[in-house]
Amino acid sequence: MTTFISESRPRARTAHFCDACRGRIAPGETYSKAAMKSDYFYTWVMCLSCIPVLAKAWAANYGDLSDSSLDYDDCHEWAQDNPEDADAAAYLDRQGIS
């Protein structure tokens, strides 16, 4: 089971990549950084525009519910299944998929 530990919203000093869309987070951009624990500790980095996508994918029961986790594939699948949703459309646009 994945456990959420904490979240912060730092401003990037160097480039990062979003774990939800794999898009680039540029230096100076504010992003979400969450500390998580599964069998090990890890950090989930996400651009702020992916927060509603992650929330909607979770609410729609995408992901591995047995260990309470979502990943890129789950967010991507939800967006492709819901192209009429504005957040899904924006997510797909960021990936060059329309």
Protein backbone atom coordinates (compact mmCIF):
# COMPACT_ATOMS: atom_id res chain seq x y z
CA MET A 1 0.00 0.00 0.00
CA THR A 2 1.24 3.45 -0.90
CA THR A 3 1.11 6.05 1.86
CA PHE A 4 1.10 9.80 1.32
CA ILE A 5 3.49 11.52 3.74
CA SER A 6 3.66 15.19 2.76
CA GLU A 7 3.35 17.63 -0.12
CA SER A 8 5.05 20.92 -0.89
CA ARG A 9 4.84 23.40 -3.76
CA PRO A 10 8.43 24.51 -4.42
CA ARG A 11 9.69 26.65 -7.28
CA ALA A 12 11.99 24.61 -9.54
CA ARG A 13 15.65 25.62 -9.48
CA THR A 14 16.51 23.07 -12.17
CA ALA A 15 14.42 21.27 -14.79
CA HIS A 16 12.28 18.33 -13.63
CA PHE A 17 9.87 16.00 -15.40
CA CYS A 18 6.26 15.50 -14.32
CA ASP A 19 5.52 11.93 -13.18
CA ALA A 20 1.90 12.28 -14.34
CA CYS A 21 2.42 13.58 -17.92
CA ARG A 22 6.19 13.31 -18.40
CA GLY A 23 6.22 16.95 -19.42
CA ARG A 24 9.10 19.26 -18.58
CA ILE A 25 8.89 21.46 -15.48
CA ALA A 26 11.04 24.48 -16.27
CA PRO A 27 13.28 26.30 -13.80
CA GLY A 28 11.22 28.97 -12.03
CA GLU A 29 7.95 27.05 -12.41
CA THR A 30 6.03 26.04 -9.27
CA TYR A 31 5.26 22.31 -9.05
CA SER A 32 3.89 19.73 -6.62
CA LYS A 33 6.39 17.54 -4.77
CA ALA A 34 4.92 14.72 -2.68
CA ALA A 35 6.78 12.37 -0.35
CA MET A 36 5.37 8.85 -0.62
CA LYS A 37 6.07 5.47 0.95
CA SER A 38 5.39 2.07 -0.55
CA ASP A 39 7.95 -0.67 0.01
CA TYR A 40 10.40 2.24 -0.13
CA PHE A 41 10.31 6.05 0.12
CA TYR A 42 10.03 8.07 -3.08
CA THR A 43 9.13 11.52 -4.36
CA TRP A 44 6.30 12.12 -6.84
CA VAL A 45 6.88 15.31 -8.87
CA MET A 46 3.98 16.79 -10.80
CA CYS A 47 3.25 19.96 -12.76
CA LEU A 48 0.35 21.90 -11.27
CA SER A 49 -1.80 21.44 -14.37
CA CYS A 50 -1.79 17.65 -13.79
CA ILE A 51 -3.30 17.87 -10.29
CA PRO A 52 -6.93 17.83 -11.55
CA VAL A 53 -6.11 14.97 -13.95
CA LEU A 54 -4.69 12.87 -11.11
CA ALA A 55 -7.69 13.68 -8.88
CA LYS A 56 -10.22 12.78 -11.58
CA ALA A 57 -8.39 9.57 -12.52
CA TRP A 58 -8.36 8.53 -8.86
CA ALA A 59 -12.05 9.38 -8.40
CA ALA A 60 -12.86 7.27 -11.47
CA ASN A 61 -11.00 4.27 -9.95
CA TYR A 62 -8.11 4.24 -12.40
CA GLY A 63 -4.81 2.93 -11.08
CA ASP A 64 -3.86 0.11 -8.79
CA LEU A 65 -6.46 0.33 -6.05
CA SER A 66 -4.90 -2.61 -4.21
CA ASP A 67 -1.91 -0.46 -3.28
CA SER A 68 -3.57 2.98 -3.57
CA SER A 69 -1.39 4.27 -6.38
CA LEU A 70 -1.62 5.98 -9.75
CA ASP A 71 1.10 6.43 -12.34
CA TYR A 72 1.64 7.97 -15.78
CA ASP A 73 -0.16 5.11 -17.54
CA ASP A 74 -3.25 5.54 -15.35
CA CYS A 75 -3.41 9.31 -15.92
CA HIS A 76 -2.86 8.83 -19.65
CA GLU A 77 -5.53 6.14 -19.89
CA TRP A 78 -8.06 8.29 -18.01
CA ALA A 79 -7.34 11.27 -20.31
CA GLN A 80 -7.73 9.15 -23.45
CA ASP A 81 -11.00 7.70 -22.12
CA ASN A 82 -12.38 11.19 -21.32
CA PRO A 83 -11.29 13.51 -24.16
CA GLU A 84 -14.41 15.67 -23.69
CA ASP A 85 -13.16 16.71 -20.22
CA ALA A 86 -11.28 20.05 -20.37
CA ASP A 87 -8.48 18.82 -18.07
CA ALA A 88 -8.09 15.63 -20.12
CA ALA A 89 -7.98 17.60 -23.36
CA ALA A 90 -5.32 19.94 -21.95
CA TYR A 91 -3.32 16.94 -20.68
CA LEU A 92 -3.42 15.31 -24.12
CA ASP A 93 -2.51 18.62 -25.79
CA ARG A 94 0.61 18.90 -23.59
CA GLN A 95 1.62 15.51 -24.96
CA GLY A 96 0.89 16.45 -28.55
CA ILE A 97 -2.16 14.17 -28.73
CA SER A 98 -5.48 15.63 -29.81
